Protein backbone atom coordinates (compact mmCIF):
# COMPACT_ATOMS: atom_id res chain seq x y z
CA UNK A 1 0.00 0.00 0.00
CA UNK A 2 1.24 3.50 -0.72
CA UNK A 3 2.31 5.51 2.29
CA UNK A 4 -0.14 8.34 2.59
CA UNK A 5 0.71 11.50 4.48
CA UNK A 6 -2.46 13.60 4.36
CA UNK A 7 -4.16 11.84 7.23
CA UNK A 8 -5.05 13.27 10.65
CA UNK A 9 -4.09 10.04 12.43
CA UNK A 10 -0.41 9.07 12.40
CA UNK A 11 1.83 6.73 14.34
CA UNK A 12 1.91 7.89 17.98
CA UNK A 13 5.46 8.72 19.00
CA UNK A 14 6.58 7.13 22.24
CA UNK A 15 4.03 4.36 21.63
CA UNK A 16 3.91 1.64 24.28
CA UNK A 17 1.44 -1.14 23.44
CA UNK A 18 1.53 -2.66 26.91
CA UNK A 19 0.91 0.63 28.68
CA UNK A 20 -2.04 1.31 26.35
CA UNK A 21 -3.41 -2.21 26.90
CA UNK A 22 -3.20 -1.73 30.67
CA UNK A 23 -4.90 1.67 30.49
CA UNK A 24 -7.71 0.20 28.38
CA UNK A 25 -8.19 -2.75 30.74
CA UNK A 26 -8.39 -0.35 33.68
CA UNK A 27 -10.91 1.79 31.77
CA UNK A 28 -13.23 -1.22 31.33
CA UNK A 29 -12.68 -3.13 34.58
CA UNK A 30 -15.15 -3.14 37.43
CA UNK A 31 -18.15 -0.85 37.69
CA UNK A 32 -18.63 1.75 34.99
CA UNK A 33 -16.53 2.44 31.93
CA UNK A 34 -14.04 5.26 31.38
CA UNK A 35 -15.01 6.12 27.78
CA UNK A 36 -12.74 9.15 27.68
CA UNK A 37 -9.59 7.05 28.09
CA UNK A 38 -10.77 4.56 25.46
CA UNK A 39 -11.54 7.17 22.81
CA UNK A 40 -8.38 9.18 23.49
CA UNK A 41 -6.12 6.16 23.08
CA UNK A 42 -7.84 4.63 20.05
CA UNK A 43 -8.18 7.84 18.04
CA UNK A 44 -4.56 8.87 18.58
CA UNK A 45 -2.89 5.59 17.60
CA UNK A 46 -2.47 4.42 14.00
CA UNK A 47 -4.29 1.30 12.84
CA UNK A 48 -1.05 -0.73 12.96
CA UNK A 49 -0.48 0.42 16.56
CA UNK A 50 -4.06 -0.52 17.54
CA UNK A 51 -3.34 -4.08 16.33
CA UNK A 52 -0.28 -4.16 18.62
CA UNK A 53 -2.43 -2.96 21.53
CA UNK A 54 -4.95 -5.77 20.86
CA UNK A 55 -2.12 -8.33 20.83
CA UNK A 56 -0.68 -6.95 24.08
CA UNK A 57 -4.17 -6.94 25.64
CA UNK A 58 -4.58 -10.64 24.90
CA UNK A 59 -1.05 -11.44 26.09
CA UNK A 60 -1.48 -9.60 29.39
CA UNK A 61 -5.07 -10.48 30.28
CA UNK A 62 -6.13 -13.42 28.11
CA UNK A 63 -9.02 -11.29 26.90
CA UNK A 64 -10.10 -10.08 23.46
CA UNK A 65 -10.00 -6.28 23.29
CA UNK A 66 -12.73 -6.01 20.64
CA UNK A 67 -15.05 -8.34 22.59
CA UNK A 68 -14.50 -6.21 25.70
CA UNK A 69 -15.22 -3.00 23.78
CA UNK A 70 -18.43 -4.55 22.45
CA UNK A 71 -19.60 -5.57 25.89
CA UNK A 72 -18.70 -2.26 27.59
CA UNK A 73 -19.83 0.25 24.93
CA UNK A 74 -23.10 0.76 23.08
CA UNK A 75 -24.62 2.32 20.00
CA UNK A 76 -22.78 4.49 17.50
CA UNK A 77 -19.82 5.04 19.83
CA UNK A 78 -19.33 1.26 20.08
CA UNK A 79 -19.54 0.92 16.28
CA UNK A 80 -16.93 3.67 15.82
CA UNK A 81 -14.46 2.18 18.34
CA UNK A 82 -14.87 -1.34 16.93
CA UNK A 83 -14.38 0.03 13.38
CA UNK A 84 -11.13 1.69 14.48
CA UNK A 85 -9.92 -1.70 15.73
CA UNK A 86 -10.57 -3.48 12.42
CA UNK A 87 -7.19 -4.23 10.76
CA UNK A 88 -6.81 -1.78 7.85
CA UNK A 89 -6.62 -4.43 5.13
CA UNK A 90 -9.82 -6.06 6.46
CA UNK A 91 -11.88 -2.89 6.63
CA UNK A 92 -13.14 -2.73 3.02
CA UNK A 93 -13.70 -6.49 2.61
CA UNK A 94 -15.74 -6.46 5.85
CA UNK A 95 -17.83 -3.47 4.72
CA UNK A 96 -18.48 -5.12 1.34
CA UNK A 97 -19.39 -8.45 2.94
CA UNK A 98 -21.99 -6.73 5.08
CA UNK A 99 -23.28 -4.68 2.17
CA UNK A 100 -24.22 -7.86 0.27
CA UNK A 101 -25.33 -9.98 3.19
CA UNK A 102 -28.87 -10.78 4.19
CA UNK A 103 -32.00 -9.05 2.99
CA UNK A 104 -31.35 -6.23 0.55
CA UNK A 105 -28.06 -5.01 -0.83
CA UNK A 106 -26.49 -1.76 0.34
CA UNK A 107 -25.60 -0.25 -3.04
CA UNK A 108 -24.29 2.92 -1.42
CA UNK A 109 -21.38 0.97 0.14
CA UNK A 110 -20.61 -0.98 -3.06
CA UNK A 111 -20.59 2.24 -5.07
CA UNK A 112 -18.47 4.23 -2.62
CA UNK A 113 -15.76 1.61 -2.16
CA UNK A 114 -15.48 0.30 -5.72
CA UNK A 115 -15.54 3.77 -7.29
CA UNK A 116 -12.94 5.32 -4.99
CA UNK A 117 -10.26 2.66 -4.43
CA UNK A 118 -7.15 2.36 -6.59
CA UNK A 119 -6.53 -0.77 -8.72
CA UNK A 120 -3.91 -1.93 -6.18
CA UNK A 121 -6.38 -1.46 -3.32
CA UNK A 122 -9.08 -3.34 -5.25
CA UNK A 123 -6.73 -6.26 -5.90
CA UNK A 124 -5.95 -6.42 -2.18
CA UNK A 125 -9.66 -6.27 -1.30
CA UNK A 126 -10.44 -9.23 -3.60
CA UNK A 127 -7.58 -11.30 -2.22
CA UNK A 128 -8.36 -10.60 1.44
CA UNK A 129 -12.08 -11.23 0.84
CA UNK A 130 -11.26 -14.65 -0.61
CA UNK A 131 -8.92 -15.50 2.30
CA UNK A 132 -11.25 -14.25 5.04
CA UNK A 133 -14.62 -15.38 3.76
CA UNK A 134 -13.61 -18.25 1.46
CA UNK A 135 -15.78 -16.90 -1.31
CA UNK A 136 -15.28 -14.86 -4.44
CA UNK A 137 -16.24 -11.17 -4.09
CA UNK A 138 -17.16 -10.86 -7.77
CA UNK A 139 -19.50 -13.89 -7.56
CA UNK A 140 -21.15 -12.44 -4.46
CA UNK A 141 -21.64 -9.05 -6.08
CA UNK A 142 -22.99 -10.45 -9.36
CA UNK A 143 -25.41 -12.58 -7.35
CA UNK A 144 -26.86 -9.52 -5.65
CA UNK A 145 -26.88 -6.92 -8.45
CA UNK A 146 -28.11 -6.74 -12.04
CA UNK A 147 -28.09 -4.86 -15.32
CA UNK A 148 -25.60 -2.21 -16.31
CA UNK A 149 -24.95 -1.40 -12.63
CA UNK A 150 -23.70 -4.94 -12.12
CA UNK A 151 -21.58 -4.75 -15.28
CA UNK A 152 -19.89 -1.52 -14.20
CA UNK A 153 -19.12 -3.00 -10.76
CA UNK A 154 -17.57 -6.05 -12.46
CA UNK A 155 -15.45 -3.84 -14.72
CA UNK A 156 -14.16 -1.90 -11.68
CA UNK A 157 -13.51 -5.14 -9.78
CA UNK A 158 -11.16 -6.32 -12.54
CA UNK A 159 -8.81 -3.59 -11.26
CA UNK A 160 -7.38 -3.24 -14.77
CA UNK A 161 -7.63 0.52 -15.19
CA UNK A 162 -4.82 1.75 -17.44
CA UNK A 163 -1.90 3.18 -15.45
CA UNK A 164 -1.21 6.88 -15.87
CA UNK A 165 1.26 7.44 -18.68
CA UNK A 166 1.76 9.44 -21.83
CA UNK A 167 -1.52 10.96 -22.99
CA UNK A 168 -2.66 10.02 -26.49
CA UNK A 169 -4.51 13.14 -27.66
CA UNK A 170 -6.06 11.22 -30.55
CA UNK A 171 -7.63 8.70 -28.18
CA UNK A 172 -8.79 11.54 -25.89
CA UNK A 173 -10.66 13.10 -28.83
CA UNK A 174 -12.03 9.72 -29.90
CA UNK A 175 -13.30 8.79 -26.41
CA UNK A 176 -14.97 12.18 -26.00
CA UNK A 177 -16.71 11.76 -29.38
CA UNK A 178 -17.78 8.18 -28.54
CA UNK A 179 -19.32 9.34 -25.24
CA UNK A 180 -21.07 12.22 -26.98
CA UNK A 181 -22.53 9.87 -29.62
CA UNK A 182 -23.45 7.25 -27.00
CA UNK A 183 -25.44 9.76 -24.93
CA UNK A 184 -26.52 13.19 -26.07
CA UNK A 185 -26.61 12.40 -29.80
CA UNK A 186 -28.43 9.09 -29.49
CA UNK A 187 -32.07 8.24 -29.04
CA UNK A 188 -31.67 6.17 -25.89
CA UNK A 189 -28.24 5.61 -24.38
CA UNK A 190 -25.42 3.22 -25.20
CA UNK A 191 -24.49 2.51 -21.57
CA UNK A 192 -21.80 0.03 -22.54
CA UNK A 193 -19.62 2.76 -24.04
CA UNK A 194 -19.78 4.76 -20.79
CA UNK A 195 -18.92 1.65 -18.78
CA UNK A 196 -15.90 0.69 -20.89
CA UNK A 197 -14.39 4.17 -21.13
CA UNK A 198 -15.06 5.25 -17.53
CA UNK A 199 -14.06 1.85 -16.15
CA UNK A 200 -10.81 1.21 -17.99
CA UNK A 201 -9.05 4.42 -19.08
CA UNK A 202 -6.37 5.98 -16.88
CA UNK A 203 -7.24 8.80 -14.50
CA UNK A 204 -5.06 11.37 -16.31
CA UNK A 205 -6.55 10.34 -19.68
CA UNK A 206 -10.12 10.63 -18.39
CA UNK A 207 -9.52 14.10 -16.99
CA UNK A 208 -8.53 15.19 -20.49
CA UNK A 209 -11.55 13.36 -21.96
CA UNK A 210 -13.88 15.28 -19.61
CA UNK A 211 -12.36 18.59 -20.74
CA UNK A 212 -12.64 17.61 -24.40
CA UNK A 213 -16.21 16.41 -23.84
CA UNK A 214 -17.15 19.83 -22.48
CA UNK A 215 -15.62 21.49 -25.56
CA UNK A 216 -17.43 19.19 -28.00
CA UNK A 217 -20.85 19.01 -26.32
CA UNK A 218 -21.12 22.13 -24.21
CA UNK A 219 -21.98 19.90 -21.23
CA UNK A 220 -20.07 18.60 -18.24
CA UNK A 221 -19.93 14.80 -18.40
CA UNK A 222 -21.82 14.72 -15.06
CA UNK A 223 -24.77 16.55 -16.66
CA UNK A 224 -24.95 13.97 -19.43
CA UNK A 225 -24.76 11.02 -17.02
CA UNK A 226 -27.50 12.65 -14.96
CA UNK A 227 -29.74 13.00 -18.03
CA UNK A 228 -28.94 9.74 -19.79
CA UNK A 229 -28.83 7.22 -16.93
CA UNK A 230 -30.73 6.66 -13.68
CA UNK A 231 -30.79 4.76 -10.41
CA UNK A 232 -27.78 2.86 -9.13
CA UNK A 233 -25.95 3.00 -12.46
CA UNK A 234 -26.18 6.79 -12.50
CA UNK A 235 -24.88 7.04 -8.93
CA UNK A 236 -21.99 4.69 -9.71
CA UNK A 237 -20.95 6.45 -12.94
CA UNK A 238 -21.11 9.83 -11.17
CA UNK A 239 -19.03 8.47 -8.28
CA UNK A 240 -16.40 7.21 -10.73
CA UNK A 241 -16.29 10.59 -12.53
CA UNK A 242 -15.98 12.46 -9.21
CA UNK A 243 -13.17 10.15 -8.03
CA UNK A 244 -11.34 10.58 -11.34
CA UNK A 245 -11.55 14.34 -10.88
CA UNK A 246 -10.67 14.43 -7.16
CA UNK A 247 -11.01 11.62 -4.58
CA UNK A 248 -10.97 13.83 -1.44
CA UNK A 249 -13.66 16.07 -3.02
CA UNK A 250 -15.80 12.96 -3.56
CA UNK A 251 -15.50 11.99 0.11
CA UNK A 252 -16.13 15.58 1.20
CA UNK A 253 -19.41 15.47 -0.72
CA UNK A 254 -20.35 12.09 0.82
CA UNK A 255 -19.67 13.47 4.30
CA UNK A 256 -21.60 16.66 3.58
CA UNK A 257 -24.71 14.72 2.55
CA UNK A 258 -24.35 12.25 5.43
CA UNK A 259 -24.96 15.17 7.82
CA UNK A 260 -27.04 17.56 5.74
CA UNK A 261 -30.72 18.01 6.58
CA UNK A 262 -32.72 15.95 9.05
CA UNK A 263 -31.02 12.90 10.53
CA UNK A 264 -27.47 11.66 10.10
CA UNK A 265 -26.27 8.74 8.01
CA UNK A 266 -23.99 7.45 10.75
CA UNK A 267 -22.85 4.39 8.82
CA UNK A 268 -21.40 6.58 6.06
CA UNK A 269 -19.97 9.05 8.56
CA UNK A 270 -18.17 6.30 10.51
CA UNK A 271 -17.01 4.46 7.38
CA UNK A 272 -15.38 7.53 5.82
CA UNK A 273 -13.94 9.01 9.03
CA UNK A 274 -12.30 5.68 9.88
CA UNK A 275 -11.18 4.60 6.39
CA UNK A 276 -9.70 7.98 5.36
CA UNK A 277 -8.26 9.09 8.73
CA UNK A 278 -4.73 7.94 7.82
CA UNK A 279 -4.97 8.71 4.10
CA UNK A 280 -6.44 12.08 3.08
CA UNK A 281 -8.63 13.52 5.85
CA UNK A 282 -6.78 16.86 5.68
CA UNK A 283 -7.60 17.12 1.96
CA UNK A 284 -11.21 16.06 2.56
CA UNK A 285 -11.57 18.86 5.12
CA UNK A 286 -10.15 21.37 2.67
CA UNK A 287 -12.45 20.25 -0.15
CA UNK A 288 -15.51 20.40 2.11
CA UNK A 289 -14.61 23.95 3.05
CA UNK A 290 -13.96 24.89 -0.59
CA UNK A 291 -16.98 23.23 -2.23
CA UNK A 292 -19.65 23.57 0.46
CA UNK A 293 -18.33 26.48 2.56
CA UNK A 294 -18.63 24.21 5.60
CA UNK A 295 -16.22 23.09 8.26
CA UNK A 296 -16.20 19.32 8.81
CA UNK A 297 -15.42 19.96 12.47
CA UNK A 298 -18.46 22.19 12.91
CA UNK A 299 -20.74 19.85 10.98
CA UNK A 300 -19.75 16.94 13.26
CA UNK A 301 -20.14 19.13 16.32
CA UNK A 302 -23.64 20.14 15.30
CA UNK A 303 -24.82 16.73 14.12
CA UNK A 304 -23.53 14.32 16.76
CA UNK A 305 -23.23 14.15 20.54
CA UNK A 306 -21.51 12.58 23.53
CA UNK A 307 -18.46 10.33 23.34
CA UNK A 308 -19.31 9.56 19.71
CA UNK A 309 -18.91 13.25 18.88
CA UNK A 310 -15.68 13.56 20.88
CA UNK A 311 -14.12 10.63 19.04
CA UNK A 312 -15.22 11.86 15.59
CA UNK A 313 -13.81 15.33 16.31
CA UNK A 314 -10.47 13.81 17.27
CA UNK A 315 -10.42 11.83 14.00
CA UNK A 316 -11.33 15.01 12.14
CA UNK A 317 -8.22 16.46 13.75
CA UNK A 318 -9.26 20.04 14.36
CA UNK A 319 -10.83 23.12 12.88
CA UNK A 320 -9.82 24.56 9.50
CA UNK A 321 -8.75 28.17 9.28
């Protein structure tokens, strides 16, 4: 995995797994629970360090840290702390497994993860899913989805997007023309063309294609997708376009809508705050400020409460200027 440096959570200097394990045991032992200690430790250690704490906890006390957290905590705060403890490479496979399990499929999770992860991350997700759950992620997804939405997910799952390289201006022009003819110029829509081009071309190539498309058609590609497709396919194609343009901006938008209006989509809020905390949370904050004139810190403060709020604010890492 690439080493990211735009996260708010980094390795804690002076880290001592045993001392943390002892502090956590003390926080959960006997009557009452010291939530403050738990959230302060878990939000200020990197995921790799949290795994060391869990190992030390088992070594010292013969107890499972995650089981103890589950029995001592409740609700959204419990879900957030348990999510922080999930080993990083297991996080996405676990989320996908639960998105396609039981009654109804959670398309929002499938779309968010498969549209935003790099080919290397997608290859790791498929491999870990197979090892952990002894089943094939692609088979599971095709069993629970259908139509062009399913086909776009399968294309993304192949993780064969062209690597960024020299831009072929001729192909840029050609792709832009093909998309124009497949959508705006056609009675009905040739979805397959959108799927192939958006699912396989390199990020740098597609950015040029979007610019060229605007020149040729007078529309942003998002406007065309909005007009020419609908439902889950539309959401997925739009997510792919947004991630090609700017991944942190895509997550900023997801966070904005998870807290906008009545009620909070806590599952999305937790998933993004945990999964991006060591990758690009600083950029996500900046994009939210730029595109929505909102502070992530203030949105969390207004929309959540209690220990859950305290922990989310620590993951957010502060207020933007």
